[in-house]
Amino acid sequence: MLELLLGLLLFLGVHSLRIVAEDWRSRQRAHLGEKRWKLTYTLISLLGFGLIVYGYGLARQTPLALWATPRGMKHLAALLTLLSFVLLVAAYIPGNAIKARLRHPMTLGVKVWALAHLLANNTLADVLLFGSFLLWAVLAFRAARQRDRLSPPAPVQTRASATVLTVLIGLAAWAGFAFWGHQALIGVRPFG
């Protein structure tokens, strides 16, 4: 469990700098330069992510169940993760109405993904992993919205075709991950 906690601290810690230390982050970027800052950020993120994967894998070998998962939660989680995939894709396709309306669809996608997994899973490791990501996403979204109020983003011209493409790619990515990728990478079949 220590590896999981250390991984979460590193990964979410570096991703929380804009939430808790925006001025310090800006000074460090200026001091190190953009390339060195991004390299350092990436290396810490990868180390944290690796520890999360390793620590969560270890914790799954001796799970400590905290409650009985209510029936139907896995189906609700599947539906919520579909929404999270669409939100994730919306962050990357220019001109889609989802991003134009929500402004920060990736952070919202992380919120929905984490909530879905908290609903469907019941171990201490799940609460630590997905609860941490949910808390981070709530705080990150709040901070991003505050930045938007201080410096409103320019209006974005949206296209219906970009929005349809966003939904279709999100649906295809979700289906691929739900029916193949989750088992291959995580070892759990969402529908099995």
Protein backbone atom coordinates (compact mmCIF):
# COMPACT_ATOMS: atom_id res chain seq x y z
CA MET A 1 0.00 0.00 0.00
CA LEU A 2 2.97 2.29 0.60
CA GLU A 3 3.90 2.18 -3.10
CA LEU A 4 0.36 3.16 -4.07
CA LEU A 5 0.35 6.07 -1.62
CA LEU A 6 3.77 7.29 -2.74
CA GLY A 7 2.72 7.04 -6.39
CA LEU A 8 -0.45 9.03 -5.72
CA LEU A 9 1.54 11.64 -3.83
CA LEU A 10 4.02 12.07 -6.69
CA PHE A 11 1.57 11.88 -9.59
CA LEU A 12 -1.25 13.95 -8.13
CA GLY A 13 1.19 16.22 -6.31
CA VAL A 14 2.88 17.37 -9.50
CA HIS A 15 -0.53 17.67 -11.18
CA SER A 16 -1.77 19.80 -8.27
CA LEU A 17 0.79 22.58 -8.58
CA ARG A 18 -1.64 24.80 -10.49
CA ILE A 19 -4.18 24.25 -7.71
CA VAL A 20 -2.02 24.98 -4.67
CA ALA A 21 1.10 26.79 -5.88
CA GLU A 22 0.47 28.58 -9.18
CA ASP A 23 3.01 31.33 -8.44
CA TRP A 24 5.73 28.85 -7.40
CA ARG A 25 5.03 26.79 -10.52
CA SER A 26 5.37 29.87 -12.73
CA ARG A 27 8.66 30.85 -11.08
CA GLN A 28 10.05 27.33 -11.50
CA ARG A 29 9.05 27.23 -15.17
CA ALA A 30 10.79 30.55 -15.72
CA HIS A 31 13.87 29.46 -13.74
CA LEU A 32 14.27 26.02 -15.35
CA GLY A 33 13.03 26.95 -18.82
CA GLU A 34 10.09 25.34 -20.58
CA LYS A 35 11.90 22.20 -21.77
CA ARG A 36 13.56 21.38 -18.45
CA TRP A 37 10.32 22.09 -16.59
CA LYS A 38 8.37 19.74 -18.86
CA LEU A 39 11.05 17.04 -18.61
CA THR A 40 11.07 17.22 -14.80
CA TYR A 41 7.26 17.25 -14.67
CA THR A 42 7.10 14.27 -17.03
CA LEU A 43 9.68 12.23 -15.14
CA ILE A 44 7.97 12.79 -11.79
CA SER A 45 4.59 11.97 -13.36
CA LEU A 46 5.90 8.74 -14.91
CA LEU A 47 7.55 7.66 -11.66
CA GLY A 48 4.32 8.38 -9.78
CA PHE A 49 2.23 6.57 -12.37
CA GLY A 50 4.53 3.55 -12.29
CA LEU A 51 4.28 3.40 -8.50
CA ILE A 52 0.49 3.71 -8.69
CA VAL A 53 0.26 0.80 -11.11
CA TYR A 54 2.70 -1.32 -9.10
CA GLY A 55 1.19 -0.42 -5.71
CA TYR A 56 -2.39 -0.96 -6.84
CA GLY A 57 -1.41 -4.33 -8.34
CA LEU A 58 0.15 -5.36 -5.03
CA ALA A 59 -2.86 -4.17 -3.05
CA ARG A 60 -5.22 -6.15 -5.31
CA GLN A 61 -3.42 -9.37 -4.31
CA THR A 62 -4.67 -9.03 -0.72
CA PRO A 63 -7.81 -6.88 -0.98
CA LEU A 64 -9.41 -5.40 2.09
CA ALA A 65 -13.13 -5.09 1.32
CA LEU A 66 -14.82 -2.17 3.06
CA TRP A 67 -18.45 -2.82 2.04
CA ALA A 68 -20.59 -5.02 -0.15
CA THR A 69 -20.98 -3.44 -3.58
CA PRO A 70 -24.68 -2.95 -4.34
CA ARG A 71 -26.06 -4.88 -7.27
CA GLY A 72 -26.13 -2.94 -10.52
CA MET A 73 -23.20 -0.66 -9.68
CA LYS A 74 -20.97 -2.23 -12.33
CA HIS A 75 -23.58 -1.42 -14.98
CA LEU A 76 -23.86 2.15 -13.73
CA ALA A 77 -20.06 2.38 -13.74
CA ALA A 78 -19.99 1.20 -17.36
CA LEU A 79 -22.43 3.93 -18.35
CA LEU A 80 -20.49 6.57 -16.44
CA THR A 81 -17.20 5.50 -17.98
CA LEU A 82 -18.78 5.87 -21.42
CA LEU A 83 -19.47 9.50 -20.51
CA SER A 84 -15.92 9.91 -19.20
CA PHE A 85 -14.45 8.65 -22.50
CA VAL A 86 -16.53 11.17 -24.46
CA LEU A 87 -15.39 13.95 -22.12
CA LEU A 88 -11.76 12.89 -22.51
CA VAL A 89 -12.01 12.94 -26.30
CA ALA A 90 -13.76 16.32 -26.15
CA ALA A 91 -10.59 17.81 -24.66
CA TYR A 92 -8.71 17.07 -27.89
CA ILE A 93 -11.08 17.64 -30.81
CA PRO A 94 -11.17 21.31 -31.82
CA GLY A 95 -14.49 23.02 -32.35
CA ASN A 96 -16.72 20.58 -30.47
CA ALA A 97 -19.62 21.97 -28.47
CA ILE A 98 -18.86 19.83 -25.42
CA LYS A 99 -15.50 21.51 -24.80
CA ALA A 100 -16.89 24.92 -25.70
CA ARG A 101 -19.63 24.53 -23.10
CA LEU A 102 -17.77 22.75 -20.29
CA ARG A 103 -14.32 24.34 -20.85
CA HIS A 104 -12.50 21.56 -18.96
CA PRO A 105 -13.93 18.25 -20.19
CA MET A 106 -10.84 16.19 -19.34
CA THR A 107 -11.01 17.13 -15.67
CA LEU A 108 -14.73 16.39 -15.66
CA GLY A 109 -13.98 13.07 -17.36
CA VAL A 110 -11.56 12.18 -14.56
CA LYS A 111 -14.26 13.05 -12.00
CA VAL A 112 -16.80 10.80 -13.69
CA TRP A 113 -14.25 7.97 -14.19
CA ALA A 114 -13.20 8.08 -10.53
CA LEU A 115 -16.79 8.20 -9.27
CA ALA A 116 -17.76 5.28 -11.51
CA HIS A 117 -14.92 3.17 -10.12
CA LEU A 118 -15.76 4.11 -6.53
CA LEU A 119 -19.33 2.96 -7.10
CA ALA A 120 -18.28 -0.38 -8.60
CA ASN A 121 -15.34 -1.26 -6.33
CA ASN A 122 -15.17 -1.72 -2.60
CA THR A 123 -11.60 -2.18 -1.34
CA LEU A 124 -9.31 0.09 0.58
CA ALA A 125 -6.98 0.32 -2.42
CA ASP A 126 -9.93 1.37 -4.61
CA VAL A 127 -10.94 4.08 -2.17
CA LEU A 128 -7.37 5.38 -2.01
CA LEU A 129 -6.84 5.29 -5.78
CA PHE A 130 -10.17 6.47 -7.12
CA GLY A 131 -11.01 8.67 -4.13
CA SER A 132 -7.70 10.51 -4.57
CA PHE A 133 -8.35 11.07 -8.26
CA LEU A 134 -11.91 12.24 -7.54
CA LEU A 135 -10.71 14.71 -4.92
CA TRP A 136 -7.96 15.95 -7.25
CA ALA A 137 -10.42 16.40 -10.14
CA VAL A 138 -12.87 18.35 -7.97
CA LEU A 139 -10.11 20.70 -6.80
CA ALA A 140 -8.55 20.99 -10.27
CA PHE A 141 -11.90 21.83 -11.87
CA ARG A 142 -12.61 24.43 -9.21
CA ALA A 143 -9.19 26.04 -9.72
CA ALA A 144 -9.61 26.03 -13.51
CA ARG A 145 -13.02 27.70 -13.24
CA GLN A 146 -11.53 30.37 -10.96
CA ARG A 147 -8.81 31.03 -13.56
CA ASP A 148 -11.54 31.26 -16.23
CA ARG A 149 -13.34 33.93 -14.18
CA LEU A 150 -10.15 35.97 -13.84
CA SER A 151 -9.27 35.66 -17.52
CA PRO A 152 -12.26 34.46 -19.54
CA PRO A 153 -11.36 32.29 -22.53
CA ALA A 154 -12.22 33.55 -25.98
CA PRO A 155 -15.44 32.23 -27.48
CA VAL A 156 -14.95 29.14 -29.60
CA GLN A 157 -16.63 28.57 -32.94
CA THR A 158 -18.22 25.13 -32.78
CA ARG A 159 -19.13 22.72 -35.54
CA ALA A 160 -21.76 20.02 -35.30
CA SER A 161 -19.45 17.64 -37.19
CA ALA A 162 -16.73 18.08 -34.53
CA THR A 163 -19.22 17.32 -31.76
CA VAL A 164 -20.54 14.22 -33.55
CA LEU A 165 -16.97 13.07 -34.19
CA THR A 166 -16.15 13.60 -30.50
CA VAL A 167 -19.05 11.40 -29.40
CA LEU A 168 -18.30 8.68 -31.98
CA ILE A 169 -14.60 8.49 -31.12
CA GLY A 170 -15.44 8.50 -27.39
CA LEU A 171 -17.94 5.67 -27.90
CA ALA A 172 -15.47 3.64 -29.99
CA ALA A 173 -12.64 4.17 -27.50
CA TRP A 174 -14.93 3.19 -24.62
CA ALA A 175 -16.10 0.04 -26.41
CA GLY A 176 -12.54 -0.98 -27.26
CA PHE A 177 -11.40 -0.46 -23.71
CA ALA A 178 -14.49 -1.96 -22.04
CA PHE A 179 -14.60 -5.10 -24.16
CA TRP A 180 -10.87 -5.67 -24.67
CA GLY A 181 -8.46 -3.16 -23.15
CA HIS A 182 -9.63 -3.29 -19.54
CA GLN A 183 -9.08 -7.06 -19.39
CA ALA A 184 -5.77 -6.88 -21.23
CA LEU A 185 -4.30 -4.01 -19.19
CA ILE A 186 -6.05 -4.24 -15.81
CA GLY A 187 -6.95 -7.92 -15.66
CA VAL A 188 -10.64 -7.27 -14.96
CA ARG A 189 -13.53 -7.79 -17.38
CA PRO A 190 -16.13 -5.08 -16.77
CA PHE A 191 -18.82 -7.23 -18.38
CA GLY A 192 -17.60 -10.66 -17.32
